[in-house]
Amino acid sequence: MAISIARESNRYYVTNKDQPKKVAVPETLEADLLDSFDTIKVLLSTLGFTLFDSIKQTKKTAKLYYCKGNGITATGEYLEDGFVVHKGSQAKLDLVKSASFVLRREKLLTSGILKEIDGVLEFDEDYLFSSPSSAGSQVLGRNTNGWDKWKTKDGKSLDECERQ
């Protein structure tokens, strides 16, 4: 159960490919186990490990930010623990030669989060990056300051909205 919930939360890459079989346990023991699991989730979240918390938020209430360049457009939102690039956002297909995030790009491609469509990459699901700069770099295909590149519809940077 914990593995499937961690996969569904989509916050971290789960390396365990196996889905454990559900074992038959008495109903009272199952209730105790579920209660213990809820306690573990709360403790982990309190310590900053949001392994089981979903990144899906209602985009109607979130402040949307846009990153544009080289004919591509991406949308996302800033969270306390990172920056979420939304499903359907585009990313530049080619990376500059000096890019320092090639391995992350390869993982995004092999896991199916990024898919090539008509000469650009597209996010197939919402994806949480550790920082706005990491998100912006993947979108633009080059190292970038995400605090300046992610902007609201009216042109205010993420830095202006969240840090100043």
C-alpha atoms as a PDB file:
ATOM      1  CA  MET A   1       0.000   0.000   0.000  1.00  0.00           C
ATOM      2  CA  ALA A   2       2.779   2.462   0.914  1.00  0.00           C
ATOM      3  CA  ILE A   3       4.509   1.927  -2.438  1.00  0.00           C
ATOM      4  CA  SER A   4       1.341   2.567  -4.457  1.00  0.00           C
ATOM      5  CA  ILE A   5       0.536   5.703  -2.431  1.00  0.00           C
ATOM      6  CA  ALA A   6       4.098   6.985  -2.921  1.00  0.00           C
ATOM      7  CA  ARG A   7       3.784   6.393  -6.679  1.00  0.00           C
ATOM      8  CA  GLU A   8       0.401   8.148  -6.817  1.00  0.00           C
ATOM      9  CA  SER A   9       1.715  11.175  -4.905  1.00  0.00           C
ATOM     10  CA  ASN A  10       4.245  11.662  -7.727  1.00  0.00           C
ATOM     11  CA  ARG A  11       6.672  13.588  -5.515  1.00  0.00           C
ATOM     12  CA  TYR A  12       9.634  11.244  -5.781  1.00  0.00           C
ATOM     13  CA  TYR A  13      10.841   8.640  -8.231  1.00  0.00           C
ATOM     14  CA  VAL A  14      10.054   5.229  -6.701  1.00  0.00           C
ATOM     15  CA  THR A  15      12.746   2.753  -7.724  1.00  0.00           C
ATOM     16  CA  ASN A  16      10.887  -0.310  -6.434  1.00  0.00           C
ATOM     17  CA  LYS A  17       9.246  -1.805  -9.530  1.00  0.00           C
ATOM     18  CA  ASP A  18       7.481  -4.588  -7.609  1.00  0.00           C
ATOM     19  CA  GLN A  19       4.017  -4.185  -6.185  1.00  0.00           C
ATOM     20  CA  PRO A  20       3.830  -6.281  -3.020  1.00  0.00           C
ATOM     21  CA  LYS A  21       0.877  -8.630  -2.740  1.00  0.00           C
ATOM     22  CA  LYS A  22      -1.807  -7.793  -0.235  1.00  0.00           C
ATOM     23  CA  VAL A  23      -1.633 -10.231   2.647  1.00  0.00           C
ATOM     24  CA  ALA A  24      -4.791 -11.365   4.395  1.00  0.00           C
ATOM     25  CA  VAL A  25      -4.757 -10.118   7.983  1.00  0.00           C
ATOM     26  CA  PRO A  26      -7.506  -9.986  10.583  1.00  0.00           C
ATOM     27  CA  GLU A  27      -9.687  -6.891  10.377  1.00  0.00           C
ATOM     28  CA  THR A  28      -8.575  -5.576  13.767  1.00  0.00           C
ATOM     29  CA  LEU A  29      -4.894  -5.888  12.835  1.00  0.00           C
ATOM     30  CA  GLU A  30      -5.538  -4.138   9.518  1.00  0.00           C
ATOM     31  CA  ALA A  31      -7.167  -1.229  11.381  1.00  0.00           C
ATOM     32  CA  ASP A  32      -4.132  -0.977  13.679  1.00  0.00           C
ATOM     33  CA  LEU A  33      -1.751  -1.081  10.695  1.00  0.00           C
ATOM     34  CA  LEU A  34      -3.667   1.658   8.860  1.00  0.00           C
ATOM     35  CA  ASP A  35      -3.638   3.789  12.021  1.00  0.00           C
ATOM     36  CA  SER A  36       0.134   3.298  12.318  1.00  0.00           C
ATOM     37  CA  PHE A  37       0.577   4.193   8.645  1.00  0.00           C
ATOM     38  CA  ASP A  38      -1.399   7.428   9.147  1.00  0.00           C
ATOM     39  CA  THR A  39       0.879   8.294  12.070  1.00  0.00           C
ATOM     40  CA  ILE A  40       3.966   7.608   9.948  1.00  0.00           C
ATOM     41  CA  LYS A  41       2.628   9.861   7.163  1.00  0.00           C
ATOM     42  CA  VAL A  42       2.084  12.723   9.614  1.00  0.00           C
ATOM     43  CA  LEU A  43       5.532  12.293  11.172  1.00  0.00           C
ATOM     44  CA  LEU A  44       7.289  12.170   7.805  1.00  0.00           C
ATOM     45  CA  SER A  45       5.408  15.234   6.590  1.00  0.00           C
ATOM     46  CA  THR A  46       6.254  17.112   9.790  1.00  0.00           C
ATOM     47  CA  LEU A  47       9.939  16.311   9.281  1.00  0.00           C
ATOM     48  CA  GLY A  48       9.754  17.656   5.711  1.00  0.00           C
ATOM     49  CA  PHE A  49       9.534  14.323   3.885  1.00  0.00           C
ATOM     50  CA  THR A  50       6.319  14.720   1.905  1.00  0.00           C
ATOM     51  CA  LEU A  51       6.587  11.261   0.365  1.00  0.00           C
ATOM     52  CA  PHE A  52       2.868  10.477   0.577  1.00  0.00           C
ATOM     53  CA  ASP A  53       1.392  13.971   0.022  1.00  0.00           C
ATOM     54  CA  SER A  54      -0.024  14.520  -3.459  1.00  0.00           C
ATOM     55  CA  ILE A  55       1.277  17.454  -5.530  1.00  0.00           C
ATOM     56  CA  LYS A  56      -2.017  17.787  -7.333  1.00  0.00           C
ATOM     57  CA  GLN A  57      -3.565  21.105  -6.425  1.00  0.00           C
ATOM     58  CA  THR A  58      -6.526  22.927  -7.864  1.00  0.00           C
ATOM     59  CA  LYS A  59      -5.112  25.149 -10.555  1.00  0.00           C
ATOM     60  CA  LYS A  60      -8.084  27.493 -10.168  1.00  0.00           C
ATOM     61  CA  THR A  61      -6.901  28.618  -6.734  1.00  0.00           C
ATOM     62  CA  ALA A  62      -3.146  28.417  -7.352  1.00  0.00           C
ATOM     63  CA  LYS A  63      -1.139  31.380  -8.588  1.00  0.00           C
ATOM     64  CA  LEU A  64      -0.004  30.331 -12.058  1.00  0.00           C
ATOM     65  CA  TYR A  65       3.402  31.173 -13.430  1.00  0.00           C
ATOM     66  CA  TYR A  66       4.492  30.975 -17.058  1.00  0.00           C
ATOM     67  CA  CYS A  67       7.888  30.293 -18.592  1.00  0.00           C
ATOM     68  CA  LYS A  68       8.262  31.146 -22.270  1.00  0.00           C
ATOM     69  CA  GLY A  69      11.151  31.021 -24.708  1.00  0.00           C
ATOM     70  CA  ASN A  70      12.269  29.504 -27.997  1.00  0.00           C
ATOM     71  CA  GLY A  71       8.653  28.938 -29.083  1.00  0.00           C
ATOM     72  CA  ILE A  72       7.652  26.900 -26.030  1.00  0.00           C
ATOM     73  CA  THR A  73       5.347  27.692 -23.111  1.00  0.00           C
ATOM     74  CA  ALA A  74       5.093  26.062 -19.705  1.00  0.00           C
ATOM     75  CA  THR A  75       2.872  26.702 -16.704  1.00  0.00           C
ATOM     76  CA  GLY A  76       3.494  25.905 -13.089  1.00  0.00           C
ATOM     77  CA  GLU A  77       3.001  26.849  -9.481  1.00  0.00           C
ATOM     78  CA  TYR A  78       5.284  27.545  -6.569  1.00  0.00           C
ATOM     79  CA  LEU A  79       5.001  25.360  -3.456  1.00  0.00           C
ATOM     80  CA  GLU A  80       6.913  25.442  -0.178  1.00  0.00           C
ATOM     81  CA  ASP A  81       8.935  22.388  -1.170  1.00  0.00           C
ATOM     82  CA  GLY A  82       9.565  23.151  -4.823  1.00  0.00           C
ATOM     83  CA  PHE A  83       8.033  24.130  -8.125  1.00  0.00           C
ATOM     84  CA  VAL A  84       5.419  22.068  -9.992  1.00  0.00           C
ATOM     85  CA  VAL A  85       5.419  22.159 -13.781  1.00  0.00           C
ATOM     86  CA  HIS A  86       1.925  21.315 -15.001  1.00  0.00           C
ATOM     87  CA  LYS A  87       0.897  18.532 -17.329  1.00  0.00           C
ATOM     88  CA  GLY A  88       0.770  19.748 -20.924  1.00  0.00           C
ATOM     89  CA  SER A  89       3.624  22.228 -20.465  1.00  0.00           C
ATOM     90  CA  GLN A  90       6.253  22.250 -23.163  1.00  0.00           C
ATOM     91  CA  ALA A  91      10.027  21.939 -22.884  1.00  0.00           C
ATOM     92  CA  LYS A  92      12.743  22.566 -25.427  1.00  0.00           C
ATOM     93  CA  LEU A  93      13.852  19.331 -27.100  1.00  0.00           C
ATOM     94  CA  ASP A  94      17.562  20.139 -27.315  1.00  0.00           C
ATOM     95  CA  LEU A  95      19.802  21.070 -24.401  1.00  0.00           C
ATOM     96  CA  VAL A  96      22.712  23.484 -24.670  1.00  0.00           C
ATOM     97  CA  LYS A  97      26.085  21.738 -24.535  1.00  0.00           C
ATOM     98  CA  SER A  98      26.977  23.266 -21.165  1.00  0.00           C
ATOM     99  CA  ALA A  99      23.773  22.042 -19.472  1.00  0.00           C
ATOM    100  CA  SER A 100      24.364  20.663 -15.984  1.00  0.00           C
ATOM    101  CA  PHE A 101      21.094  18.777 -15.744  1.00  0.00           C
ATOM    102  CA  VAL A 102      21.425  16.159 -18.493  1.00  0.00           C
ATOM    103  CA  LEU A 103      20.878  13.194 -16.137  1.00  0.00           C
ATOM    104  CA  ARG A 104      17.613  14.648 -14.838  1.00  0.00           C
ATOM    105  CA  ARG A 105      16.412  15.134 -18.423  1.00  0.00           C
ATOM    106  CA  GLU A 106      17.238  11.504 -19.226  1.00  0.00           C
ATOM    107  CA  LYS A 107      15.277  10.313 -16.175  1.00  0.00           C
ATOM    108  CA  LEU A 108      12.284  12.450 -17.163  1.00  0.00           C
ATOM    109  CA  LEU A 109      12.357  10.968 -20.666  1.00  0.00           C
ATOM    110  CA  THR A 110      12.839   7.322 -19.649  1.00  0.00           C
ATOM    111  CA  SER A 111      10.119   7.516 -16.979  1.00  0.00           C
ATOM    112  CA  GLY A 112       7.647   8.943 -19.511  1.00  0.00           C
ATOM    113  CA  ILE A 113       7.134  12.250 -17.722  1.00  0.00           C
ATOM    114  CA  LEU A 114       8.488  14.062 -20.780  1.00  0.00           C
ATOM    115  CA  LYS A 115       7.397  12.896 -24.235  1.00  0.00           C
ATOM    116  CA  GLU A 116       8.398  14.200 -27.635  1.00  0.00           C
ATOM    117  CA  ILE A 117       5.506  15.612 -29.644  1.00  0.00           C
ATOM    118  CA  ASP A 118       6.019  17.510 -32.908  1.00  0.00           C
ATOM    119  CA  GLY A 119       9.616  18.534 -32.231  1.00  0.00           C
ATOM    120  CA  VAL A 120       9.100  19.686 -28.625  1.00  0.00           C
ATOM    121  CA  LEU A 121       8.862  17.874 -25.335  1.00  0.00           C
ATOM    122  CA  GLU A 122       5.639  17.868 -23.351  1.00  0.00           C
ATOM    123  CA  PHE A 123       5.034  17.036 -19.701  1.00  0.00           C
ATOM    124  CA  ASP A 124       2.714  14.038 -19.539  1.00  0.00           C
ATOM    125  CA  GLU A 125       1.908  14.720 -15.876  1.00  0.00           C
ATOM    126  CA  ASP A 126       2.471  17.337 -13.186  1.00  0.00           C
ATOM    127  CA  TYR A 127       6.060  17.139 -11.949  1.00  0.00           C
ATOM    128  CA  LEU A 128       7.615  18.595  -8.800  1.00  0.00           C
ATOM    129  CA  PHE A 129      11.107  20.060  -9.139  1.00  0.00           C
ATOM    130  CA  SER A 130      13.223  20.964  -6.132  1.00  0.00           C
ATOM    131  CA  SER A 131      13.452  24.608  -7.223  1.00  0.00           C
ATOM    132  CA  PRO A 132      12.067  27.090  -9.772  1.00  0.00           C
ATOM    133  CA  SER A 133      15.497  27.219 -11.425  1.00  0.00           C
ATOM    134  CA  SER A 134      15.594  23.444 -11.876  1.00  0.00           C
ATOM    135  CA  ALA A 135      12.127  23.579 -13.446  1.00  0.00           C
ATOM    136  CA  GLY A 136      13.021  26.524 -15.681  1.00  0.00           C
ATOM    137  CA  SER A 137      16.240  24.867 -16.831  1.00  0.00           C
ATOM    138  CA  GLN A 138      14.391  21.735 -17.947  1.00  0.00           C
ATOM    139  CA  VAL A 139      11.770  23.815 -19.753  1.00  0.00           C
ATOM    140  CA  LEU A 140      14.213  26.147 -21.536  1.00  0.00           C
ATOM    141  CA  GLY A 141      16.951  23.551 -22.131  1.00  0.00           C
ATOM    142  CA  ARG A 142      19.644  25.696 -20.543  1.00  0.00           C
ATOM    143  CA  ASN A 143      20.758  26.835 -17.111  1.00  0.00           C
ATOM    144  CA  THR A 144      18.495  29.643 -15.941  1.00  0.00           C
ATOM    145  CA  ASN A 145      17.390  31.601 -12.904  1.00  0.00           C
ATOM    146  CA  GLY A 146      13.841  30.348 -12.413  1.00  0.00           C
ATOM    147  CA  TRP A 147      13.047  33.099  -9.922  1.00  0.00           C
ATOM    148  CA  ASP A 148      13.305  35.570 -12.838  1.00  0.00           C
ATOM    149  CA  LYS A 149      12.034  33.396 -15.716  1.00  0.00           C
ATOM    150  CA  TRP A 150       8.735  32.202 -14.186  1.00  0.00           C
ATOM    151  CA  LYS A 151       6.249  35.083 -14.462  1.00  0.00           C
ATOM    152  CA  THR A 152       2.566  35.768 -13.839  1.00  0.00           C
ATOM    153  CA  LYS A 153       0.262  36.744 -16.698  1.00  0.00           C
ATOM    154  CA  ASP A 154       0.876  40.406 -15.911  1.00  0.00           C
ATOM    155  CA  GLY A 155       4.668  39.960 -16.104  1.00  0.00           C
ATOM    156  CA  LYS A 156       5.619  39.872 -12.411  1.00  0.00           C
ATOM    157  CA  SER A 157       8.452  37.466 -11.715  1.00  0.00           C
ATOM    158  CA  LEU A 158       8.249  34.683  -9.151  1.00  0.00           C
ATOM    159  CA  ASP A 159      10.897  36.561  -7.187  1.00  0.00           C
ATOM    160  CA  GLU A 160       8.705  39.697  -7.046  1.00  0.00           C
ATOM    161  CA  CYS A 161       5.644  37.702  -5.960  1.00  0.00           C
ATOM    162  CA  GLU A 162       7.158  35.305  -3.445  1.00  0.00           C
ATOM    163  CA  ARG A 163      10.400  36.733  -2.042  1.00  0.00           C
ATOM    164  CA  GLN A 164      10.085  40.531  -2.083  1.00  0.00           C
END
